[in-house]
Amino acid sequence: MPINNVIRPKCFEKQLHGITKKKFSKSTDSINKTINDVLHHNPFPPGDLIPGFHPLLLYKWRLPLKEYNIGDRGGLSVIYLLLEQLDQLVFIAMYYKGEHKSEPEKMAMIKRNLKSILSDVSPT
């Protein structure tokens, strides 16, 4: 079953814009096309479950940058939250593998983005 409701929060869009504008301008269209194609044509979104966020289903999906001859292991990582009961996928973060030096740094960035997203949708 393809995911029908995809949410791209401001913090994700900002990271995507930063990556495509500053580092990988030739890949802007292919990144968006790949995301859309995979989400609409796959029975289940790709990637590996990230441990440590239970009960949330957070996944890491690797994207290649073919225009730069960078494979999926050296390319971009897309972090997303899958809300199966609501048929929703929420993009959380995107980063280039070379941007973050340590796993704790990556986890801190993911947690910051999650907090930002939750504060945007929480009633005040």
PDB file of N, CA and C in Angstrom:
ATOM      1  N   MET A   1       0.838  -1.190   0.000  1.00  0.00           N
ATOM      2  CA  MET A   1       0.000   0.000   0.000  1.00  0.00           C
ATOM      3  C   MET A   1       0.877   1.246   0.000  1.00  0.00           C
ATOM      4  N   PRO A   2       0.821   2.062  -1.038  1.00  0.00           N
ATOM      5  CA  PRO A   2       1.566   3.323  -1.037  1.00  0.00           C
ATOM      6  C   PRO A   2       1.014   4.279   0.019  1.00  0.00           C
ATOM      7  N   ILE A   3       1.873   5.143   0.511  1.00  0.00           N
ATOM      8  CA  ILE A   3       1.467   6.150   1.494  1.00  0.00           C
ATOM      9  C   ILE A   3       0.774   7.279   0.747  1.00  0.00           C
ATOM     10  N   ASN A   4      -0.394   7.679   1.215  1.00  0.00           N
ATOM     11  CA  ASN A   4      -1.168   8.708   0.529  1.00  0.00           C
ATOM     12  C   ASN A   4      -0.993  10.104   1.104  1.00  0.00           C
ATOM     13  N   ASN A   5      -0.597  10.206   2.358  1.00  0.00           N
ATOM     14  CA  ASN A   5      -0.491  11.506   2.999  1.00  0.00           C
ATOM     15  C   ASN A   5       0.958  11.737   3.431  1.00  0.00           C
ATOM     16  N   VAL A   6       1.664  12.554   2.680  1.00  0.00           N
ATOM     17  CA  VAL A   6       3.072  12.843   2.956  1.00  0.00           C
ATOM     18  C   VAL A   6       3.188  14.278   3.444  1.00  0.00           C
ATOM     19  N   ILE A   7       3.846  14.445   4.586  1.00  0.00           N
ATOM     20  CA  ILE A   7       3.998  15.765   5.191  1.00  0.00           C
ATOM     21  C   ILE A   7       5.474  16.157   5.157  1.00  0.00           C
ATOM     22  N   ARG A   8       5.730  17.358   4.633  1.00  0.00           N
ATOM     23  CA  ARG A   8       7.095  17.888   4.534  1.00  0.00           C
ATOM     24  C   ARG A   8       7.189  19.152   5.385  1.00  0.00           C
ATOM     25  N   PRO A   9       7.522  19.009   6.676  1.00  0.00           N
ATOM     26  CA  PRO A   9       7.587  20.164   7.577  1.00  0.00           C
ATOM     27  C   PRO A   9       8.659  21.174   7.172  1.00  0.00           C
ATOM     28  N   LYS A  10       8.537  22.372   7.743  1.00  0.00           N
ATOM     29  CA  LYS A  10       9.476  23.465   7.427  1.00  0.00           C
ATOM     30  C   LYS A  10      10.926  23.080   7.676  1.00  0.00           C
ATOM     31  N   CYS A  11      11.199  22.405   8.791  1.00  0.00           N
ATOM     32  CA  CYS A  11      12.591  22.065   9.109  1.00  0.00           C
ATOM     33  C   CYS A  11      13.176  21.112   8.059  1.00  0.00           C
ATOM     34  N   PHE A  12      12.371  20.198   7.540  1.00  0.00           N
ATOM     35  CA  PHE A  12      12.837  19.297   6.485  1.00  0.00           C
ATOM     36  C   PHE A  12      13.080  20.066   5.192  1.00  0.00           C
ATOM     37  N   GLU A  13      12.128  20.906   4.823  1.00  0.00           N
ATOM     38  CA  GLU A  13      12.274  21.694   3.594  1.00  0.00           C
ATOM     39  C   GLU A  13      13.507  22.595   3.650  1.00  0.00           C
ATOM     40  N   LYS A  14      13.785  23.141   4.836  1.00  0.00           N
ATOM     41  CA  LYS A  14      14.959  23.994   5.001  1.00  0.00           C
ATOM     42  C   LYS A  14      16.245  23.186   4.779  1.00  0.00           C
ATOM     43  N   GLN A  15      16.296  21.983   5.316  1.00  0.00           N
ATOM     44  CA  GLN A  15      17.480  21.142   5.116  1.00  0.00           C
ATOM     45  C   GLN A  15      17.613  20.728   3.652  1.00  0.00           C
ATOM     46  N   LEU A  16      16.510  20.362   3.036  1.00  0.00           N
ATOM     47  CA  LEU A  16      16.530  19.997   1.620  1.00  0.00           C
ATOM     48  C   LEU A  16      17.015  21.163   0.773  1.00  0.00           C
ATOM     49  N   HIS A  17      16.492  22.349   1.046  1.00  0.00           N
ATOM     50  CA  HIS A  17      16.901  23.545   0.307  1.00  0.00           C
ATOM     51  C   HIS A  17      18.394  23.828   0.507  1.00  0.00           C
ATOM     52  N   GLY A  18      18.865  23.713   1.740  1.00  0.00           N
ATOM     53  CA  GLY A  18      20.283  23.955   2.024  1.00  0.00           C
ATOM     54  C   GLY A  18      21.188  22.986   1.288  1.00  0.00           C
ATOM     55  N   ILE A  19      20.800  21.733   1.249  1.00  0.00           N
ATOM     56  CA  ILE A  19      21.608  20.714   0.568  1.00  0.00           C
ATOM     57  C   ILE A  19      21.629  20.955  -0.930  1.00  0.00           C
ATOM     58  N   THR A  20      20.480  21.221  -1.513  1.00  0.00           N
ATOM     59  CA  THR A  20      20.422  21.382  -2.969  1.00  0.00           C
ATOM     60  C   THR A  20      20.968  22.726  -3.424  1.00  0.00           C
ATOM     61  N   LYS A  21      20.880  23.730  -2.609  1.00  0.00           N
ATOM     62  CA  LYS A  21      21.377  25.045  -3.012  1.00  0.00           C
ATOM     63  C   LYS A  21      22.892  25.151  -2.832  1.00  0.00           C
ATOM     64  N   LYS A  22      23.398  24.686  -1.706  1.00  0.00           N
ATOM     65  CA  LYS A  22      24.810  24.877  -1.377  1.00  0.00           C
ATOM     66  C   LYS A  22      25.728  23.794  -1.919  1.00  0.00           C
ATOM     67  N   LYS A  23      25.281  22.538  -1.915  1.00  0.00           N
ATOM     68  CA  LYS A  23      26.193  21.448  -2.220  1.00  0.00           C
ATOM     69  C   LYS A  23      25.878  20.696  -3.499  1.00  0.00           C
ATOM     70  N   PHE A  24      24.615  20.434  -3.732  1.00  0.00           N
ATOM     71  CA  PHE A  24      24.246  19.521  -4.809  1.00  0.00           C
ATOM     72  C   PHE A  24      23.164  20.106  -5.708  1.00  0.00           C
ATOM     73  N   SER A  25      23.441  21.256  -6.272  1.00  0.00           N
ATOM     74  CA  SER A  25      22.425  21.948  -7.079  1.00  0.00           C
ATOM     75  C   SER A  25      21.976  21.139  -8.291  1.00  0.00           C
ATOM     76  N   LYS A  26      22.858  20.312  -8.834  1.00  0.00           N
ATOM     77  CA  LYS A  26      22.486  19.507 -10.000  1.00  0.00           C
ATOM     78  C   LYS A  26      21.484  18.412  -9.640  1.00  0.00           C
ATOM     79  N   SER A  27      21.314  18.142  -8.359  1.00  0.00           N
ATOM     80  CA  SER A  27      20.463  17.033  -7.927  1.00  0.00           C
ATOM     81  C   SER A  27      19.084  17.451  -7.440  1.00  0.00           C
ATOM     82  N   THR A  28      18.765  18.731  -7.462  1.00  0.00           N
ATOM     83  CA  THR A  28      17.481  19.203  -6.926  1.00  0.00           C
ATOM     84  C   THR A  28      16.303  18.448  -7.512  1.00  0.00           C
ATOM     85  N   ASP A  29      16.197  18.397  -8.820  1.00  0.00           N
ATOM     86  CA  ASP A  29      15.055  17.736  -9.463  1.00  0.00           C
ATOM     87  C   ASP A  29      15.056  16.234  -9.216  1.00  0.00           C
ATOM     88  N   SER A  30      16.238  15.607  -9.299  1.00  0.00           N
ATOM     89  CA  SER A  30      16.272  14.154  -9.135  1.00  0.00           C
ATOM     90  C   SER A  30      15.950  13.734  -7.703  1.00  0.00           C
ATOM     91  N   ILE A  31      16.328  14.530  -6.707  1.00  0.00           N
ATOM     92  CA  ILE A  31      15.991  14.202  -5.311  1.00  0.00           C
ATOM     93  C   ILE A  31      14.477  14.221  -5.139  1.00  0.00           C
ATOM     94  N   ASN A  32      13.839  15.286  -5.579  1.00  0.00           N
ATOM     95  CA  ASN A  32      12.374  15.379  -5.451  1.00  0.00           C
ATOM     96  C   ASN A  32      11.665  14.293  -6.255  1.00  0.00           C
ATOM     97  N   LYS A  33      12.151  14.010  -7.451  1.00  0.00           N
ATOM     98  CA  LYS A  33      11.555  12.969  -8.287  1.00  0.00           C
ATOM     99  C   LYS A  33      11.709  11.608  -7.625  1.00  0.00           C
ATOM    100  N   THR A  34      12.877  11.313  -7.098  1.00  0.00           N
ATOM    101  CA  THR A  34      13.109  10.026  -6.429  1.00  0.00           C
ATOM    102  C   THR A  34      12.181   9.858  -5.236  1.00  0.00           C
ATOM    103  N   ILE A  35      12.081  10.894  -4.417  1.00  0.00           N
ATOM    104  CA  ILE A  35      11.185  10.828  -3.251  1.00  0.00           C
ATOM    105  C   ILE A  35       9.755  10.549  -3.699  1.00  0.00           C
ATOM    106  N   ASN A  36       9.275  11.304  -4.668  1.00  0.00           N
ATOM    107  CA  ASN A  36       7.895  11.120  -5.140  1.00  0.00           C
ATOM    108  C   ASN A  36       7.674   9.755  -5.778  1.00  0.00           C
ATOM    109  N   ASP A  37       8.611   9.314  -6.617  1.00  0.00           N
ATOM    110  CA  ASP A  37       8.467   8.022  -7.290  1.00  0.00           C
ATOM    111  C   ASP A  37       8.416   6.875  -6.287  1.00  0.00           C
ATOM    112  N   VAL A  38       9.339   6.889  -5.342  1.00  0.00           N
ATOM    113  CA  VAL A  38       9.396   5.788  -4.384  1.00  0.00           C
ATOM    114  C   VAL A  38       8.154   5.758  -3.509  1.00  0.00           C
ATOM    115  N   LEU A  39       7.716   6.910  -3.043  1.00  0.00           N
ATOM    116  CA  LEU A  39       6.552   6.950  -2.161  1.00  0.00           C
ATOM    117  C   LEU A  39       5.266   6.538  -2.861  1.00  0.00           C
ATOM    118  N   HIS A  40       5.155   6.816  -4.145  1.00  0.00           N
ATOM    119  CA  HIS A  40       3.914   6.525  -4.848  1.00  0.00           C
ATOM    120  C   HIS A  40       3.901   5.181  -5.569  1.00  0.00           C
ATOM    121  N   HIS A  41       5.061   4.544  -5.694  1.00  0.00           N
ATOM    122  CA  HIS A  41       5.104   3.301  -6.462  1.00  0.00           C
ATOM    123  C   HIS A  41       5.584   2.107  -5.654  1.00  0.00           C
ATOM    124  N   ASN A  42       5.950   2.297  -4.415  1.00  0.00           N
ATOM    125  CA  ASN A  42       6.395   1.182  -3.579  1.00  0.00           C
ATOM    126  C   ASN A  42       5.286   0.775  -2.628  1.00  0.00           C
ATOM    127  N   PRO A  43       5.189  -0.511  -2.335  1.00  0.00           N
ATOM    128  CA  PRO A  43       4.164  -0.950  -1.396  1.00  0.00           C
ATOM    129  C   PRO A  43       4.458  -0.514   0.042  1.00  0.00           C
ATOM    130  N   PHE A  44       5.715  -0.249   0.355  1.00  0.00           N
ATOM    131  CA  PHE A  44       6.077   0.190   1.697  1.00  0.00           C
ATOM    132  C   PHE A  44       7.275   1.122   1.566  1.00  0.00           C
ATOM    133  N   PRO A  45       7.284   2.219   2.274  1.00  0.00           N
ATOM    134  CA  PRO A  45       8.423   3.131   2.166  1.00  0.00           C
ATOM    135  C   PRO A  45       9.746   2.443   2.506  1.00  0.00           C
ATOM    136  N   PRO A  46      10.800   2.844   1.855  1.00  0.00           N
ATOM    137  CA  PRO A  46      12.100   2.192   2.017  1.00  0.00           C
ATOM    138  C   PRO A  46      12.836   2.629   3.283  1.00  0.00           C
ATOM    139  N   GLY A  47      13.923   1.927   3.553  1.00  0.00           N
ATOM    140  CA  GLY A  47      14.810   2.337   4.630  1.00  0.00           C
ATOM    141  C   GLY A  47      14.864   1.351   5.770  1.00  0.00           C
ATOM    142  N   ASP A  48      15.682   1.708   6.743  1.00  0.00           N
ATOM    143  CA  ASP A  48      15.902   0.874   7.915  1.00  0.00           C
ATOM    144  C   ASP A  48      15.334   1.568   9.145  1.00  0.00           C
ATOM    145  N   LEU A  49      14.709   0.794  10.008  1.00  0.00           N
ATOM    146  CA  LEU A  49      14.175   1.312  11.254  1.00  0.00           C
ATOM    147  C   LEU A  49      15.327   1.810  12.125  1.00  0.00           C
ATOM    148  N   ILE A  50      15.171   3.005  12.691  1.00  0.00           N
ATOM    149  CA  ILE A  50      16.198   3.586  13.567  1.00  0.00           C
ATOM    150  C   ILE A  50      15.866   3.177  15.001  1.00  0.00           C
ATOM    151  N   PRO A  51      16.794   2.495  15.672  1.00  0.00           N
ATOM    152  CA  PRO A  51      16.518   2.092  17.050  1.00  0.00           C
ATOM    153  C   PRO A  51      16.544   3.291  18.004  1.00  0.00           C
ATOM    154  N   GLY A  52      15.863   3.148  19.122  1.00  0.00           N
ATOM    155  CA  GLY A  52      15.924   4.164  20.164  1.00  0.00           C
ATOM    156  C   GLY A  52      14.788   5.171  20.160  1.00  0.00           C
ATOM    157  N   PHE A  53      13.814   5.019  19.291  1.00  0.00           N
ATOM    158  CA  PHE A  53      12.705   5.972  19.225  1.00  0.00           C
ATOM    159  C   PHE A  53      11.355   5.316  19.499  1.00  0.00           C
ATOM    160  N   HIS A  54      11.371   4.089  19.973  1.00  0.00           N
ATOM    161  CA  HIS A  54      10.130   3.369  20.267  1.00  0.00           C
ATOM    162  C   HIS A  54       9.254   4.187  21.202  1.00  0.00           C
ATOM    163  N   PRO A  55       7.993   4.348  20.964  1.00  0.00           N
ATOM    164  CA  PRO A  55       7.141   3.602  20.046  1.00  0.00           C
ATOM    165  C   PRO A  55       7.057   4.209  18.637  1.00  0.00           C
ATOM    166  N   LEU A  56       7.799   5.278  18.375  1.00  0.00           N
ATOM    167  CA  LEU A  56       7.761   5.882  17.040  1.00  0.00           C
ATOM    168  C   LEU A  56       8.472   4.987  16.034  1.00  0.00           C
ATOM    169  N   LEU A  57       7.958   4.965  14.812  1.00  0.00           N
ATOM    170  CA  LEU A  57       8.592   4.225  13.725  1.00  0.00           C
ATOM    171  C   LEU A  57       9.367   5.217  12.870  1.00  0.00           C
ATOM    172  N   LEU A  58      10.626   5.427  13.237  1.00  0.00           N
ATOM    173  CA  LEU A  58      11.501   6.340  12.510  1.00  0.00           C
ATOM    174  C   LEU A  58      12.412   5.519  11.597  1.00  0.00           C
ATOM    175  N   TYR A  59      12.477   5.931  10.331  1.00  0.00           N
ATOM    176  CA  TYR A  59      13.271   5.208   9.343  1.00  0.00           C
ATOM    177  C   TYR A  59      14.343   6.100   8.740  1.00  0.00           C
ATOM    178  N   LYS A  60      15.427   5.455   8.334  1.00  0.00           N
ATOM    179  CA  LYS A  60      16.514   6.134   7.614  1.00  0.00           C
ATOM    180  C   LYS A  60      16.551   5.525   6.215  1.00  0.00           C
ATOM    181  N   TRP A  61      16.429   6.396   5.232  1.00  0.00           N
ATOM    182  CA  TRP A  61      16.405   5.984   3.834  1.00  0.00           C
ATOM    183  C   TRP A  61      17.575   6.679   3.144  1.00  0.00           C
ATOM    184  N   ARG A  62      18.394   5.935   2.458  1.00  0.00           N
ATOM    185  CA  ARG A  62      19.569   6.500   1.782  1.00  0.00           C
ATOM    186  C   ARG A  62      19.250   6.764   0.310  1.00  0.00           C
ATOM    187  N   LEU A  63      19.653   7.959  -0.138  1.00  0.00           N
ATOM    188  CA  LEU A  63      19.436   8.354  -1.536  1.00  0.00           C
ATOM    189  C   LEU A  63      20.777   8.594  -2.221  1.00  0.00           C
ATOM    190  N   PRO A  64      20.973   8.036  -3.404  1.00  0.00           N
ATOM    191  CA  PRO A  64      22.199   8.321  -4.153  1.00  0.00           C
ATOM    192  C   PRO A  64      22.118   9.693  -4.817  1.00  0.00           C
ATOM    193  N   LEU A  65      23.263  10.214  -5.180  1.00  0.00           N
ATOM    194  CA  LEU A  65      23.339  11.466  -5.943  1.00  0.00           C
ATOM    195  C   LEU A  65      24.026  11.133  -7.268  1.00  0.00           C
ATOM    196  N   LYS A  66      23.236  10.616  -8.196  1.00  0.00           N
ATOM    197  CA  LYS A  66      23.786  10.100  -9.456  1.00  0.00           C
ATOM    198  C   LYS A  66      24.502  11.164 -10.271  1.00  0.00           C
ATOM    199  N   GLU A  67      24.041  12.409 -10.176  1.00  0.00           N
ATOM    200  CA  GLU A  67      24.670  13.492 -10.938  1.00  0.00           C
ATOM    201  C   GLU A  67      26.107  13.752 -10.484  1.00  0.00           C
ATOM    202  N   TYR A  68      26.439  13.289  -9.292  1.00  0.00           N
ATOM    203  CA  TYR A  68      27.778  13.483  -8.728  1.00  0.00           C
ATOM    204  C   TYR A  68      28.512  12.150  -8.565  1.00  0.00           C
ATOM    205  N   ASN A  69      27.962  11.084  -9.135  1.00  0.00           N
ATOM    206  CA  ASN A  69      28.531   9.742  -9.020  1.00  0.00           C
ATOM    207  C   ASN A  69      28.718   9.314  -7.568  1.00  0.00           C
ATOM    208  N   ILE A  70      27.726   9.629  -6.735  1.00  0.00           N
ATOM    209  CA  ILE A  70      27.752   9.244  -5.328  1.00  0.00           C
ATOM    210  C   ILE A  70      26.638   8.226  -5.116  1.00  0.00           C
ATOM    211  N   GLY A  71      27.008   7.056  -4.626  1.00  0.00           N
ATOM    212  CA  GLY A  71      26.033   6.001  -4.383  1.00  0.00           C
ATOM    213  C   GLY A  71      25.216   6.251  -3.124  1.00  0.00           C
ATOM    214  N   ASP A  72      24.277   5.355  -2.853  1.00  0.00           N
ATOM    215  CA  ASP A  72      23.395   5.570  -1.710  1.00  0.00           C
ATOM    216  C   ASP A  72      24.122   5.516  -0.368  1.00  0.00           C
ATOM    217  N   ARG A  73      25.205   4.779  -0.256  1.00  0.00           N
ATOM    218  CA  ARG A  73      25.957   4.724   1.007  1.00  0.00           C
ATOM    219  C   ARG A  73      26.705   6.025   1.292  1.00  0.00           C
ATOM    220  N   GLY A  74      27.039   6.773   0.290  1.00  0.00           N
ATOM    221  CA  GLY A  74      27.769   8.025   0.496  1.00  0.00           C
ATOM    222  C   GLY A  74      26.937   9.258   0.248  1.00  0.00           C
ATOM    223  N   GLY A  75      25.677   9.071  -0.099  1.00  0.00           N
ATOM    224  CA  GLY A  75      24.817  10.180  -0.494  1.00  0.00           C
ATOM    225  C   GLY A  75      24.040  10.800   0.648  1.00  0.00           C
ATOM    226  N   LEU A  76      22.773  10.979   0.417  1.00  0.00           N
ATOM    227  CA  LEU A  76      21.907  11.637   1.390  1.00  0.00           C
ATOM    228  C   LEU A  76      21.186  10.621   2.261  1.00  0.00           C
ATOM    229  N   SER A  77      20.909  11.025   3.469  1.00  0.00           N
ATOM    230  CA  SER A  77      20.060  10.233   4.363  1.00  0.00           C
ATOM    231  C   SER A  77      18.794  11.029   4.615  1.00  0.00           C
ATOM    232  N   VAL A  78      17.668  10.364   4.446  1.00  0.00           N
ATOM    233  CA  VAL A  78      16.363  10.964   4.699  1.00  0.00           C
ATOM    234  C   VAL A  78      15.777  10.234   5.898  1.00  0.00           C
ATOM    235  N   ILE A  79      15.384  10.997   6.913  1.00  0.00           N
ATOM    236  CA  ILE A  79      14.774  10.432   8.108  1.00  0.00           C
ATOM    237  C   ILE A  79      13.287  10.770   8.062  1.00  0.00           C
ATOM    238  N   TYR A  80      12.464   9.762   8.272  1.00  0.00           N
ATOM    239  CA  TYR A  80      11.029  10.013   8.256  1.00  0.00           C
ATOM    240  C   TYR A  80      10.327   9.191   9.325  1.00  0.00           C
ATOM    241  N   LEU A  81       9.157   9.664   9.696  1.00  0.00           N
ATOM    242  CA  LEU A  81       8.298   9.027  10.680  1.00  0.00           C
ATOM    243  C   LEU A  81       7.126   8.408   9.935  1.00  0.00           C
ATOM    244  N   LEU A  82       6.887   7.140  10.188  1.00  0.00           N
ATOM    245  CA  LEU A  82       5.768   6.454   9.556  1.00  0.00           C
ATOM    246  C   LEU A  82       4.645   6.302  10.572  1.00  0.00           C
ATOM    247  N   LEU A  83       3.494   6.838  10.226  1.00  0.00           N
ATOM    248  CA  LEU A  83       2.287   6.723  11.057  1.00  0.00           C
ATOM    249  C   LEU A  83       1.297   5.849  10.299  1.00  0.00           C
ATOM    250  N   GLU A  84       1.483   4.548  10.416  1.00  0.00           N
ATOM    251  CA  GLU A  84       0.699   3.593   9.618  1.00  0.00           C
ATOM    252  C   GLU A  84      -0.805   3.714   9.843  1.00  0.00           C
ATOM    253  N   GLN A  85      -1.225   3.899  11.091  1.00  0.00           N
ATOM    254  CA  GLN A  85      -2.650   3.960  11.393  1.00  0.00           C
ATOM    255  C   GLN A  85      -3.320   5.129  10.686  1.00  0.00           C
ATOM    256  N   LEU A  86      -2.576   6.197  10.464  1.00  0.00           N
ATOM    257  CA  LEU A  86      -3.122   7.389   9.816  1.00  0.00           C
ATOM    258  C   LEU A  86      -2.777   7.459   8.327  1.00  0.00           C
ATOM    259  N   ASP A  87      -2.055   6.445   7.845  1.00  0.00           N
ATOM    260  CA  ASP A  87      -1.600   6.430   6.450  1.00  0.00           C
ATOM    261  C   ASP A  87      -0.798   7.705   6.148  1.00  0.00           C
ATOM    262  N   GLN A  88       0.103   8.053   7.085  1.00  0.00           N
ATOM    263  CA  GLN A  88       0.911   9.273   6.942  1.00  0.00           C
ATOM    264  C   GLN A  88       2.395   8.972   7.048  1.00  0.00           C
ATOM    265  N   LEU A  89       3.140   9.738   6.321  1.00  0.00           N
ATOM    266  CA  LEU A  89       4.592   9.728   6.406  1.00  0.00           C
ATOM    267  C   LEU A  89       5.014  11.174   6.624  1.00  0.00           C
ATOM    268  N   VAL A  90       5.811  11.410   7.665  1.00  0.00           N
ATOM    269  CA  VAL A  90       6.268  12.759   7.989  1.00  0.00           C
ATOM    270  C   VAL A  90       7.780  12.789   7.833  1.00  0.00           C
ATOM    271  N   PHE A  91       8.266  13.618   6.918  1.00  0.00           N
ATOM    272  CA  PHE A  91       9.709  13.772   6.782  1.00  0.00           C
ATOM    273  C   PHE A  91      10.238  14.532   7.989  1.00  0.00           C
ATOM    274  N   ILE A  92      11.328  14.037   8.563  1.00  0.00           N
ATOM    275  CA  ILE A  92      11.898  14.623   9.768  1.00  0.00           C
ATOM    276  C   ILE A  92      13.187  15.374   9.466  1.00  0.00           C
ATOM    277  N   ALA A  93      14.083  14.755   8.695  1.00  0.00           N
ATOM    278  CA  ALA A  93      15.392  15.376   8.448  1.00  0.00           C
ATOM    279  C   ALA A  93      16.005  14.832   7.170  1.00  0.00           C
ATOM    280  N   MET A  94      16.922  15.607   6.625  1.00  0.00           N
ATOM    281  CA  MET A  94      17.730  15.177   5.489  1.00  0.00           C
ATOM    282  C   MET A  94      19.135  15.716   5.708  1.00  0.00           C
ATOM    283  N   TYR A  95      20.118  14.863   5.480  1.00  0.00           N
ATOM    284  CA  TYR A  95      21.502  15.326   5.617  1.00  0.00           C
ATOM    285  C   TYR A  95      22.414  14.548   4.688  1.00  0.00           C
ATOM    286  N   TYR A  96      23.519  15.170   4.375  1.00  0.00           N
ATOM    287  CA  TYR A  96      24.563  14.543   3.582  1.00  0.00           C
ATOM    288  C   TYR A  96      25.477  13.807   4.538  1.00  0.00           C
ATOM    289  N   LYS A  97      25.876  12.611   4.158  1.00  0.00           N
ATOM    290  CA  LYS A  97      26.660  11.764   5.054  1.00  0.00           C
ATOM    291  C   LYS A  97      27.885  12.487   5.617  1.00  0.00           C
ATOM    292  N   GLY A  98      28.536  13.327   4.828  1.00  0.00           N
ATOM    293  CA  GLY A  98      29.733  14.028   5.265  1.00  0.00           C
ATOM    294  C   GLY A  98      29.477  15.219   6.183  1.00  0.00           C
ATOM    295  N   GLU A  99      28.208  15.599   6.389  1.00  0.00           N
ATOM    296  CA  GLU A  99      27.877  16.759   7.221  1.00  0.00           C
ATOM    297  C   GLU A  99      28.072  16.516   8.708  1.00  0.00           C
ATOM    298  N   HIS A 100      27.699  15.341   9.172  1.00  0.00           N
ATOM    299  CA  HIS A 100      27.714  15.048  10.603  1.00  0.00           C
ATOM    300  C   HIS A 100      28.825  14.055  10.913  1.00  0.00           C
ATOM    301  N   LYS A 101      29.606  14.385  11.895  1.00  0.00           N
ATOM    302  CA  LYS A 101      30.770  13.581  12.190  1.00  0.00           C
ATOM    303  C   LYS A 101      30.487  12.379  13.082  1.00  0.00           C
ATOM    304  N   SER A 102      29.475  12.458  13.909  1.00  0.00           N
ATOM    305  CA  SER A 102      29.239  11.369  14.852  1.00  0.00           C
ATOM    306  C   SER A 102      27.759  10.993  14.898  1.00  0.00           C
ATOM    307  N   GLU A 103      27.518   9.795  15.346  1.00  0.00           N
ATOM    308  CA  GLU A 103      26.140   9.324  15.502  1.00  0.00           C
ATOM    309  C   GLU A 103      25.368  10.160  16.525  1.00  0.00           C
ATOM    310  N   PRO A 104      25.971  10.532  17.671  1.00  0.00           N
ATOM    311  CA  PRO A 104      25.247  11.395  18.617  1.00  0.00           C
ATOM    312  C   PRO A 104      24.851  12.747  18.003  1.00  0.00           C
ATOM    313  N   GLU A 105      25.691  13.291  17.131  1.00  0.00           N
ATOM    314  CA  GLU A 105      25.368  14.552  16.464  1.00  0.00           C
ATOM    315  C   GLU A 105      24.147  14.382  15.553  1.00  0.00           C
ATOM    316  N   LYS A 106      24.095  13.263  14.840  1.00  0.00           N
ATOM    317  CA  LYS A 106      22.939  12.982  13.972  1.00  0.00           C
ATOM    318  C   LYS A 106      21.670  12.828  14.804  1.00  0.00           C
ATOM    319  N   MET A 107      21.773  12.070  15.888  1.00  0.00           N
ATOM    320  CA  MET A 107      20.603  11.849  16.742  1.00  0.00           C
ATOM    321  C   MET A 107      20.115  13.165  17.366  1.00  0.00           C
ATOM    322  N   ALA A 108      21.043  14.031  17.748  1.00  0.00           N
ATOM    323  CA  ALA A 108      20.657  15.331  18.312  1.00  0.00           C
ATOM    324  C   ALA A 108      19.898  16.163  17.283  1.00  0.00           C
ATOM    325  N   MET A 109      20.350  16.144  16.038  1.00  0.00           N
ATOM    326  CA  MET A 109      19.675  16.887  14.976  1.00  0.00           C
ATOM    327  C   MET A 109      18.276  16.317  14.724  1.00  0.00           C
ATOM    328  N   ILE A 110      18.149  15.011  14.713  1.00  0.00           N
ATOM    329  CA  ILE A 110      16.846  14.371  14.510  1.00  0.00           C
ATOM    330  C   ILE A 110      15.898  14.750  15.648  1.00  0.00           C
ATOM    331  N   LYS A 111      16.387  14.707  16.886  1.00  0.00           N
ATOM    332  CA  LYS A 111      15.557  15.058  18.043  1.00  0.00           C
ATOM    333  C   LYS A 111      15.140  16.523  18.010  1.00  0.00           C
ATOM    334  N   ARG A 112      16.052  17.410  17.591  1.00  0.00           N
ATOM    335  CA  ARG A 112      15.704  18.837  17.456  1.00  0.00           C
ATOM    336  C   ARG A 112      14.580  19.013  16.446  1.00  0.00           C
ATOM    337  N   ASN A 113      14.694  18.349  15.310  1.00  0.00           N
ATOM    338  CA  ASN A 113      13.669  18.470  14.274  1.00  0.00           C
ATOM    339  C   ASN A 113      12.335  17.893  14.750  1.00  0.00           C
ATOM    340  N   LEU A 114      12.373  16.753  15.423  1.00  0.00           N
ATOM    341  CA  LEU A 114      11.138  16.181  15.955  1.00  0.00           C
ATOM    342  C   LEU A 114      10.469  17.158  16.926  1.00  0.00           C
ATOM    343  N   LYS A 115      11.263  17.745  17.796  1.00  0.00           N
ATOM    344  CA  LYS A 115      10.732  18.714  18.759  1.00  0.00           C
ATOM    345  C   LYS A 115      10.112  19.916  18.042  1.00  0.00           C
ATOM    346  N   SER A 116      10.784  20.396  17.004  1.00  0.00           N
ATOM    347  CA  SER A 116      10.278  21.526  16.222  1.00  0.00           C
ATOM    348  C   SER A 116       8.953  21.171  15.547  1.00  0.00           C
ATOM    349  N   ILE A 117       8.882  19.983  14.975  1.00  0.00           N
ATOM    350  CA  ILE A 117       7.669  19.546  14.295  1.00  0.00           C
ATOM    351  C   ILE A 117       6.519  19.418  15.293  1.00  0.00           C
ATOM    352  N   LEU A 118       6.805  18.816  16.430  1.00  0.00           N
ATOM    353  CA  LEU A 118       5.755  18.658  17.457  1.00  0.00           C
ATOM    354  C   LEU A 118       5.273  19.991  17.981  1.00  0.00           C
ATOM    355  N   SER A 119       6.184  20.945  18.129  1.00  0.00           N
ATOM    356  CA  SER A 119       5.747  22.273  18.617  1.00  0.00           C
ATOM    357  C   SER A 119       4.918  23.000  17.566  1.00  0.00           C
ATOM    358  N   ASP A 120       5.155  22.729  16.284  1.00  0.00           N
ATOM    359  CA  ASP A 120       4.359  23.338  15.208  1.00  0.00           C
ATOM    360  C   ASP A 120       2.932  22.802  15.169  1.00  0.00           C
ATOM    361  N   VAL A 121       2.744  21.534  15.558  1.00  0.00           N
ATOM    362  CA  VAL A 121       1.410  20.942  15.454  1.00  0.00           C
ATOM    363  C   VAL A 121       0.665  20.904  16.788  1.00  0.00           C
ATOM    364  N   SER A 122       1.348  21.191  17.892  1.00  0.00           N
ATOM    365  CA  SER A 122       0.699  21.152  19.204  1.00  0.00           C
ATOM    366  C   SER A 122      -0.148  22.398  19.413  1.00  0.00           C
ATOM    367  N   PRO A 123      -1.330  22.228  20.001  1.00  0.00           N
ATOM    368  CA  PRO A 123      -2.147  23.406  20.318  1.00  0.00           C
ATOM    369  C   PRO A 123      -1.494  24.197  21.436  1.00  0.00           C
ATOM    370  N   THR A 124      -1.625  25.514  21.357  1.00  0.00           N
ATOM    371  CA  THR A 124      -1.012  26.372  22.382  1.00  0.00           C
ATOM    372  C   THR A 124      -2.038  26.856  23.369  1.00  0.00           C
TER     373      THR A 124
END
